[in-house]
Amino acid sequence: MYISLQRAKATGVWIDKGHRQYPEDPTFRFEARAFDRELQWHSDYYSRLEGFVMERSDQFIMVDYEEVIDRVAFDKIFPFLGLAQPTSDSLTTNLKKQTIEPIEKLVINFEEMVKHIRNHHPDLFMSLKDRGQFQ
C-alpha cells in the first residue's frame, strides 16, 4: 500500500482501469516514520472494520484489492456465498496493479526499507518475502 500511495501522490493517478497510458513509475525515498504511520493507520482501520462486522455477524471474508486483480478473490467469494465457481471467462475486471515495476527499482533506498521492515515488522517482512517481494 505504501508504494502504491507514493506512486499515486507522485503521478496523480489513483486508479488504473487500463484505459490510458500513465507516466512511468517514479522513484522515491523510503521514509520509515511515514511508512510506520501509514501501516499503523491501516492496521487500526482494518481492526475497527473487522470488529464492526463481527459485532453484526460472525460470517464474513475480507478480500484484498490485489486478490481481485489476480482473480484469487473469486476462489474465496463464491464458496463463501455457496455458489458454484464461475468459468474463467465469465468474470473479468479492468483493474490493474498500480505499480508493476519491481519494488527495488522504485525505492531509491530499497535495502534500508527491507532492513526497517525486517527489524520492526517481522510478520510483514515474512509475508512480503513469501509473496516474492523480498529475497
N, C-alpha and C. Protein backbone atom coordinates (compact mmCIF):
# COMPACT_ATOMS: atom_id res chain seq x y z
N MET A 1 0.82 -1.19 0.00
CA MET A 1 0.00 0.00 0.00
C MET A 1 0.87 1.26 0.00
N TYR A 2 1.94 1.21 0.76
CA TYR A 2 2.81 2.38 0.88
C TYR A 2 3.36 2.79 -0.48
N ILE A 3 3.84 1.83 -1.24
CA ILE A 3 4.45 2.15 -2.53
C ILE A 3 3.39 2.63 -3.51
N SER A 4 2.23 1.99 -3.52
CA SER A 4 1.14 2.45 -4.40
C SER A 4 0.73 3.87 -4.05
N LEU A 5 0.67 4.18 -2.75
CA LEU A 5 0.32 5.53 -2.33
C LEU A 5 1.36 6.54 -2.78
N GLN A 6 2.64 6.20 -2.64
CA GLN A 6 3.70 7.11 -3.08
C GLN A 6 3.60 7.35 -4.58
N ARG A 7 3.32 6.29 -5.34
CA ARG A 7 3.19 6.41 -6.79
C ARG A 7 2.00 7.31 -7.13
N ALA A 8 0.88 7.09 -6.49
CA ALA A 8 -0.32 7.88 -6.77
C ALA A 8 -0.10 9.36 -6.45
N LYS A 9 0.55 9.63 -5.33
CA LYS A 9 0.85 11.02 -4.98
C LYS A 9 1.75 11.68 -6.02
N ALA A 10 2.73 10.93 -6.50
CA ALA A 10 3.70 11.49 -7.46
C ALA A 10 3.11 11.69 -8.85
N THR A 11 2.21 10.79 -9.27
CA THR A 11 1.69 10.85 -10.64
C THR A 11 0.30 11.47 -10.74
N GLY A 12 -0.43 11.51 -9.62
CA GLY A 12 -1.82 11.97 -9.66
C GLY A 12 -2.78 10.92 -10.18
N VAL A 13 -2.30 9.70 -10.39
CA VAL A 13 -3.14 8.60 -10.87
C VAL A 13 -3.46 7.70 -9.69
N TRP A 14 -4.74 7.66 -9.30
CA TRP A 14 -5.14 6.94 -8.09
C TRP A 14 -5.74 5.57 -8.39
N ILE A 15 -6.18 5.35 -9.62
CA ILE A 15 -6.72 4.04 -10.00
C ILE A 15 -6.42 3.83 -11.47
N ASP A 16 -6.07 2.61 -11.82
CA ASP A 16 -5.74 2.28 -13.21
C ASP A 16 -6.73 1.24 -13.70
N LYS A 17 -7.59 1.66 -14.63
CA LYS A 17 -8.56 0.73 -15.21
C LYS A 17 -8.16 0.34 -16.62
N GLY A 18 -6.93 0.63 -16.98
CA GLY A 18 -6.41 0.18 -18.26
C GLY A 18 -6.86 0.98 -19.46
N HIS A 19 -7.42 2.17 -19.23
CA HIS A 19 -7.94 2.97 -20.35
C HIS A 19 -6.94 3.98 -20.89
N ARG A 20 -5.92 4.33 -20.10
CA ARG A 20 -4.98 5.36 -20.53
C ARG A 20 -3.56 4.88 -20.31
N GLN A 21 -2.67 5.56 -20.96
CA GLN A 21 -1.25 5.34 -20.68
C GLN A 21 -0.87 6.28 -19.54
N TYR A 22 -0.14 5.78 -18.57
CA TYR A 22 0.25 6.57 -17.43
C TYR A 22 1.74 6.83 -17.46
N PRO A 23 2.16 7.84 -16.72
CA PRO A 23 3.60 8.10 -16.64
C PRO A 23 4.33 6.90 -16.05
N GLU A 24 5.61 6.82 -16.34
CA GLU A 24 6.41 5.76 -15.73
C GLU A 24 6.35 5.87 -14.22
N ASP A 25 6.53 4.73 -13.57
CA ASP A 25 6.56 4.74 -12.11
C ASP A 25 7.73 5.59 -11.64
N PRO A 26 7.47 6.58 -10.80
CA PRO A 26 8.56 7.42 -10.29
C PRO A 26 9.34 6.67 -9.21
N THR A 27 10.57 7.07 -9.01
CA THR A 27 11.33 6.52 -7.89
C THR A 27 11.12 7.45 -6.69
N PHE A 28 11.29 6.91 -5.51
CA PHE A 28 11.15 7.72 -4.31
C PHE A 28 11.98 7.12 -3.19
N ARG A 29 12.17 7.93 -2.16
CA ARG A 29 12.96 7.52 -0.99
C ARG A 29 12.00 7.00 0.08
N PHE A 30 12.31 5.81 0.61
CA PHE A 30 11.56 5.22 1.72
C PHE A 30 11.79 6.06 2.97
N GLU A 31 10.70 6.40 3.65
CA GLU A 31 10.78 7.14 4.90
C GLU A 31 10.12 6.30 5.98
N ALA A 32 10.93 5.81 6.90
CA ALA A 32 10.47 4.86 7.91
C ALA A 32 9.32 5.41 8.75
N ARG A 33 9.41 6.65 9.18
CA ARG A 33 8.34 7.20 10.04
C ARG A 33 7.02 7.29 9.28
N ALA A 34 7.06 7.72 8.03
CA ALA A 34 5.84 7.80 7.23
C ALA A 34 5.27 6.41 6.98
N PHE A 35 6.16 5.47 6.70
CA PHE A 35 5.74 4.08 6.49
C PHE A 35 5.06 3.53 7.74
N ASP A 36 5.69 3.74 8.91
CA ASP A 36 5.13 3.23 10.16
C ASP A 36 3.78 3.86 10.47
N ARG A 37 3.65 5.15 10.21
CA ARG A 37 2.35 5.83 10.43
C ARG A 37 1.28 5.24 9.53
N GLU A 38 1.60 5.06 8.27
CA GLU A 38 0.61 4.51 7.35
C GLU A 38 0.25 3.07 7.72
N LEU A 39 1.24 2.28 8.07
CA LEU A 39 0.99 0.90 8.48
C LEU A 39 0.10 0.85 9.71
N GLN A 40 0.36 1.73 10.68
CA GLN A 40 -0.47 1.77 11.90
C GLN A 40 -1.89 2.21 11.57
N TRP A 41 -2.04 3.20 10.69
CA TRP A 41 -3.37 3.66 10.30
C TRP A 41 -4.16 2.52 9.67
N HIS A 42 -3.54 1.79 8.73
CA HIS A 42 -4.23 0.68 8.09
C HIS A 42 -4.57 -0.43 9.08
N SER A 43 -3.66 -0.72 9.97
CA SER A 43 -3.91 -1.74 10.98
C SER A 43 -5.11 -1.36 11.86
N ASP A 44 -5.12 -0.12 12.32
CA ASP A 44 -6.24 0.36 13.15
C ASP A 44 -7.55 0.33 12.37
N TYR A 45 -7.50 0.80 11.13
CA TYR A 45 -8.71 0.86 10.30
C TYR A 45 -9.30 -0.53 10.10
N TYR A 46 -8.47 -1.49 9.70
CA TYR A 46 -8.98 -2.83 9.44
C TYR A 46 -9.40 -3.55 10.71
N SER A 47 -8.75 -3.26 11.81
CA SER A 47 -9.19 -3.83 13.09
C SER A 47 -10.56 -3.31 13.47
N ARG A 48 -10.78 -2.01 13.32
CA ARG A 48 -12.11 -1.44 13.61
C ARG A 48 -13.16 -1.99 12.65
N LEU A 49 -12.81 -2.11 11.39
CA LEU A 49 -13.75 -2.63 10.40
C LEU A 49 -14.12 -4.08 10.72
N GLU A 50 -13.12 -4.88 11.04
CA GLU A 50 -13.39 -6.28 11.38
C GLU A 50 -14.24 -6.37 12.64
N GLY A 51 -13.94 -5.54 13.64
CA GLY A 51 -14.75 -5.52 14.86
C GLY A 51 -16.18 -5.13 14.58
N PHE A 52 -16.39 -4.14 13.74
CA PHE A 52 -17.73 -3.69 13.36
C PHE A 52 -18.51 -4.82 12.70
N VAL A 53 -17.87 -5.50 11.77
CA VAL A 53 -18.54 -6.58 11.05
C VAL A 53 -18.82 -7.76 11.98
N MET A 54 -17.85 -8.10 12.83
CA MET A 54 -18.03 -9.25 13.73
C MET A 54 -19.13 -9.00 14.75
N GLU A 55 -19.38 -7.76 15.13
CA GLU A 55 -20.47 -7.46 16.05
C GLU A 55 -21.82 -7.79 15.43
N ARG A 56 -21.89 -7.74 14.12
CA ARG A 56 -23.15 -7.93 13.41
C ARG A 56 -23.30 -9.33 12.82
N SER A 57 -22.18 -10.00 12.60
CA SER A 57 -22.21 -11.34 12.01
C SER A 57 -20.85 -11.99 12.22
N ASP A 58 -20.87 -13.30 12.41
CA ASP A 58 -19.59 -13.99 12.51
C ASP A 58 -19.19 -14.59 11.17
N GLN A 59 -19.97 -14.32 10.14
CA GLN A 59 -19.67 -14.87 8.82
C GLN A 59 -19.31 -13.74 7.86
N PHE A 60 -18.04 -13.62 7.60
CA PHE A 60 -17.58 -12.64 6.62
C PHE A 60 -16.20 -13.06 6.14
N ILE A 61 -15.82 -12.52 5.00
CA ILE A 61 -14.47 -12.72 4.49
C ILE A 61 -13.93 -11.35 4.09
N MET A 62 -12.64 -11.21 4.20
CA MET A 62 -12.01 -9.98 3.74
C MET A 62 -11.30 -10.30 2.43
N VAL A 63 -11.48 -9.41 1.46
CA VAL A 63 -10.89 -9.59 0.15
C VAL A 63 -9.97 -8.42 -0.12
N ASP A 64 -8.74 -8.73 -0.46
CA ASP A 64 -7.74 -7.72 -0.76
C ASP A 64 -7.86 -7.28 -2.21
N TYR A 65 -7.58 -6.02 -2.45
CA TYR A 65 -7.63 -5.43 -3.79
C TYR A 65 -6.83 -6.26 -4.80
N GLU A 66 -5.62 -6.65 -4.42
CA GLU A 66 -4.78 -7.42 -5.35
C GLU A 66 -5.37 -8.80 -5.62
N GLU A 67 -6.14 -9.34 -4.68
CA GLU A 67 -6.79 -10.62 -4.92
C GLU A 67 -7.85 -10.50 -6.02
N VAL A 68 -8.50 -9.36 -6.11
CA VAL A 68 -9.49 -9.14 -7.17
C VAL A 68 -8.79 -9.07 -8.51
N ILE A 69 -7.70 -8.33 -8.56
CA ILE A 69 -6.95 -8.19 -9.81
C ILE A 69 -6.44 -9.55 -10.28
N ASP A 70 -5.92 -10.35 -9.36
CA ASP A 70 -5.36 -11.65 -9.70
C ASP A 70 -6.42 -12.76 -9.73
N ARG A 71 -7.66 -12.41 -9.52
CA ARG A 71 -8.81 -13.32 -9.56
C ARG A 71 -8.81 -14.34 -8.41
N VAL A 72 -7.88 -14.26 -7.50
CA VAL A 72 -7.84 -15.16 -6.34
C VAL A 72 -9.09 -14.95 -5.48
N ALA A 73 -9.58 -13.72 -5.45
CA ALA A 73 -10.74 -13.39 -4.62
C ALA A 73 -11.95 -14.23 -5.00
N PHE A 74 -12.11 -14.51 -6.28
CA PHE A 74 -13.27 -15.28 -6.72
C PHE A 74 -13.26 -16.68 -6.13
N ASP A 75 -12.06 -17.23 -5.93
CA ASP A 75 -11.96 -18.56 -5.31
C ASP A 75 -12.40 -18.54 -3.86
N LYS A 76 -12.39 -17.38 -3.23
CA LYS A 76 -12.84 -17.24 -1.85
C LYS A 76 -14.32 -16.85 -1.78
N ILE A 77 -14.73 -15.94 -2.65
CA ILE A 77 -16.06 -15.35 -2.57
C ILE A 77 -17.16 -16.36 -2.90
N PHE A 78 -17.01 -17.08 -4.00
CA PHE A 78 -18.09 -17.97 -4.43
C PHE A 78 -18.37 -19.09 -3.45
N PRO A 79 -17.36 -19.80 -2.93
CA PRO A 79 -17.66 -20.81 -1.91
C PRO A 79 -18.29 -20.20 -0.65
N PHE A 80 -17.83 -19.02 -0.26
CA PHE A 80 -18.38 -18.35 0.91
C PHE A 80 -19.88 -18.09 0.72
N LEU A 81 -20.27 -17.72 -0.48
CA LEU A 81 -21.68 -17.45 -0.79
C LEU A 81 -22.47 -18.72 -1.12
N GLY A 82 -21.77 -19.85 -1.18
CA GLY A 82 -22.45 -21.10 -1.50
C GLY A 82 -22.78 -21.24 -2.98
N LEU A 83 -22.01 -20.55 -3.82
CA LEU A 83 -22.26 -20.56 -5.26
C LEU A 83 -21.20 -21.40 -5.97
N ALA A 84 -21.58 -21.91 -7.12
CA ALA A 84 -20.63 -22.66 -7.94
C ALA A 84 -19.57 -21.70 -8.49
N GLN A 85 -18.37 -22.21 -8.66
CA GLN A 85 -17.30 -21.40 -9.23
C GLN A 85 -17.64 -21.05 -10.67
N PRO A 86 -17.47 -19.79 -11.04
CA PRO A 86 -17.75 -19.40 -12.43
C PRO A 86 -16.64 -19.91 -13.35
N THR A 87 -16.97 -19.96 -14.63
CA THR A 87 -15.93 -20.30 -15.60
C THR A 87 -14.95 -19.14 -15.66
N SER A 88 -13.75 -19.41 -16.10
CA SER A 88 -12.70 -18.39 -16.10
C SER A 88 -13.05 -17.19 -16.96
N ASP A 89 -13.91 -17.36 -17.96
CA ASP A 89 -14.24 -16.25 -18.85
C ASP A 89 -15.46 -15.45 -18.41
N SER A 90 -16.18 -15.94 -17.40
CA SER A 90 -17.45 -15.29 -17.06
C SER A 90 -17.31 -14.04 -16.19
N LEU A 91 -16.20 -13.90 -15.48
CA LEU A 91 -15.98 -12.72 -14.65
C LEU A 91 -14.67 -12.06 -15.05
N THR A 92 -14.71 -10.77 -15.20
CA THR A 92 -13.49 -10.04 -15.54
C THR A 92 -13.41 -8.79 -14.69
N THR A 93 -12.25 -8.22 -14.64
CA THR A 93 -12.05 -6.92 -14.01
C THR A 93 -11.11 -6.12 -14.89
N ASN A 94 -11.38 -4.83 -14.94
CA ASN A 94 -10.48 -3.98 -15.71
C ASN A 94 -9.50 -3.25 -14.80
N LEU A 95 -9.46 -3.62 -13.53
CA LEU A 95 -8.50 -3.04 -12.61
C LEU A 95 -7.12 -3.60 -12.90
N LYS A 96 -6.11 -2.77 -12.68
CA LYS A 96 -4.73 -3.19 -12.85
C LYS A 96 -3.94 -2.80 -11.61
N LYS A 97 -2.86 -3.49 -11.37
CA LYS A 97 -1.99 -3.13 -10.25
C LYS A 97 -1.44 -1.73 -10.50
N GLN A 98 -1.40 -0.94 -9.44
CA GLN A 98 -0.88 0.42 -9.55
C GLN A 98 0.60 0.41 -9.93
N THR A 99 1.35 -0.48 -9.35
CA THR A 99 2.79 -0.50 -9.54
C THR A 99 3.19 -1.85 -10.10
N ILE A 100 3.74 -1.85 -11.30
CA ILE A 100 4.13 -3.11 -11.91
C ILE A 100 5.65 -3.31 -11.89
N GLU A 101 6.38 -2.23 -11.70
CA GLU A 101 7.84 -2.33 -11.63
C GLU A 101 8.24 -3.06 -10.35
N PRO A 102 9.34 -3.80 -10.39
CA PRO A 102 9.84 -4.40 -9.14
C PRO A 102 10.13 -3.30 -8.12
N ILE A 103 9.82 -3.58 -6.88
CA ILE A 103 9.97 -2.58 -5.81
C ILE A 103 11.38 -2.03 -5.75
N GLU A 104 12.37 -2.89 -5.94
CA GLU A 104 13.76 -2.42 -5.82
C GLU A 104 14.12 -1.37 -6.87
N LYS A 105 13.37 -1.30 -7.95
CA LYS A 105 13.62 -0.27 -8.97
C LYS A 105 12.94 1.06 -8.61
N LEU A 106 11.95 1.01 -7.73
CA LEU A 106 11.18 2.20 -7.38
C LEU A 106 11.70 2.91 -6.14
N VAL A 107 12.24 2.15 -5.20
CA VAL A 107 12.67 2.70 -3.92
C VAL A 107 14.18 2.93 -3.97
N ILE A 108 14.57 4.19 -3.90
CA ILE A 108 15.98 4.57 -4.00
C ILE A 108 16.81 3.88 -2.92
N ASN A 109 16.29 3.85 -1.71
CA ASN A 109 16.98 3.25 -0.58
C ASN A 109 16.31 1.91 -0.20
N PHE A 110 16.18 1.05 -1.19
CA PHE A 110 15.48 -0.22 -1.04
C PHE A 110 16.03 -1.06 0.11
N GLU A 111 17.35 -1.19 0.20
CA GLU A 111 17.95 -2.01 1.27
C GLU A 111 17.60 -1.47 2.65
N GLU A 112 17.56 -0.16 2.78
CA GLU A 112 17.17 0.46 4.05
C GLU A 112 15.72 0.10 4.39
N MET A 113 14.86 0.10 3.38
CA MET A 113 13.46 -0.25 3.58
C MET A 113 13.33 -1.71 4.03
N VAL A 114 14.03 -2.60 3.35
CA VAL A 114 13.98 -4.02 3.70
C VAL A 114 14.46 -4.22 5.14
N LYS A 115 15.55 -3.58 5.49
CA LYS A 115 16.10 -3.71 6.84
C LYS A 115 15.10 -3.20 7.88
N HIS A 116 14.47 -2.06 7.62
CA HIS A 116 13.50 -1.50 8.55
C HIS A 116 12.32 -2.45 8.74
N ILE A 117 11.79 -2.94 7.64
CA ILE A 117 10.63 -3.83 7.73
C ILE A 117 11.01 -5.13 8.44
N ARG A 118 12.17 -5.69 8.10
CA ARG A 118 12.63 -6.93 8.75
C ARG A 118 12.79 -6.72 10.25
N ASN A 119 13.37 -5.59 10.67
CA ASN A 119 13.66 -5.36 12.09
C ASN A 119 12.45 -4.90 12.89
N HIS A 120 11.53 -4.17 12.27
CA HIS A 120 10.42 -3.56 13.02
C HIS A 120 9.06 -4.19 12.74
N HIS A 121 8.96 -4.93 11.64
CA HIS A 121 7.68 -5.53 11.25
C HIS A 121 7.93 -6.93 10.69
N PRO A 122 8.42 -7.85 11.53
CA PRO A 122 8.84 -9.16 11.02
C PRO A 122 7.72 -9.97 10.35
N ASP A 123 6.49 -9.84 10.84
CA ASP A 123 5.39 -10.58 10.20
C ASP A 123 5.14 -10.06 8.79
N LEU A 124 5.17 -8.76 8.64
CA LEU A 124 5.01 -8.16 7.32
C LEU A 124 6.16 -8.57 6.41
N PHE A 125 7.37 -8.55 6.95
CA PHE A 125 8.53 -8.95 6.18
C PHE A 125 8.36 -10.36 5.63
N MET A 126 7.95 -11.30 6.49
CA MET A 126 7.78 -12.68 6.05
C MET A 126 6.67 -12.80 5.01
N SER A 127 5.60 -12.06 5.20
CA SER A 127 4.50 -12.07 4.23
C SER A 127 4.97 -11.57 2.87
N LEU A 128 5.72 -10.47 2.86
CA LEU A 128 6.24 -9.92 1.60
C LEU A 128 7.25 -10.86 0.97
N LYS A 129 8.05 -11.49 1.81
CA LYS A 129 9.04 -12.44 1.30
C LYS A 129 8.34 -13.65 0.67
N ASP A 130 7.29 -14.13 1.33
CA ASP A 130 6.54 -15.27 0.80
C ASP A 130 5.87 -14.95 -0.53
N ARG A 131 5.51 -13.68 -0.71
CA ARG A 131 4.87 -13.25 -1.96
C ARG A 131 5.90 -12.86 -3.02
N GLY A 132 7.18 -13.03 -2.72
CA GLY A 132 8.23 -12.77 -3.69
C GLY A 132 8.64 -11.31 -3.80
N GLN A 133 8.23 -10.47 -2.85
CA GLN A 133 8.58 -9.06 -2.90
C GLN A 133 10.01 -8.82 -2.44
N PHE A 134 10.47 -9.64 -1.48
CA PHE A 134 11.82 -9.52 -0.96
C PHE A 134 12.53 -10.85 -1.13
N GLN A 135 13.83 -10.78 -1.29
CA GLN A 135 14.64 -12.02 -1.42
C GLN A 135 15.04 -12.51 -0.05
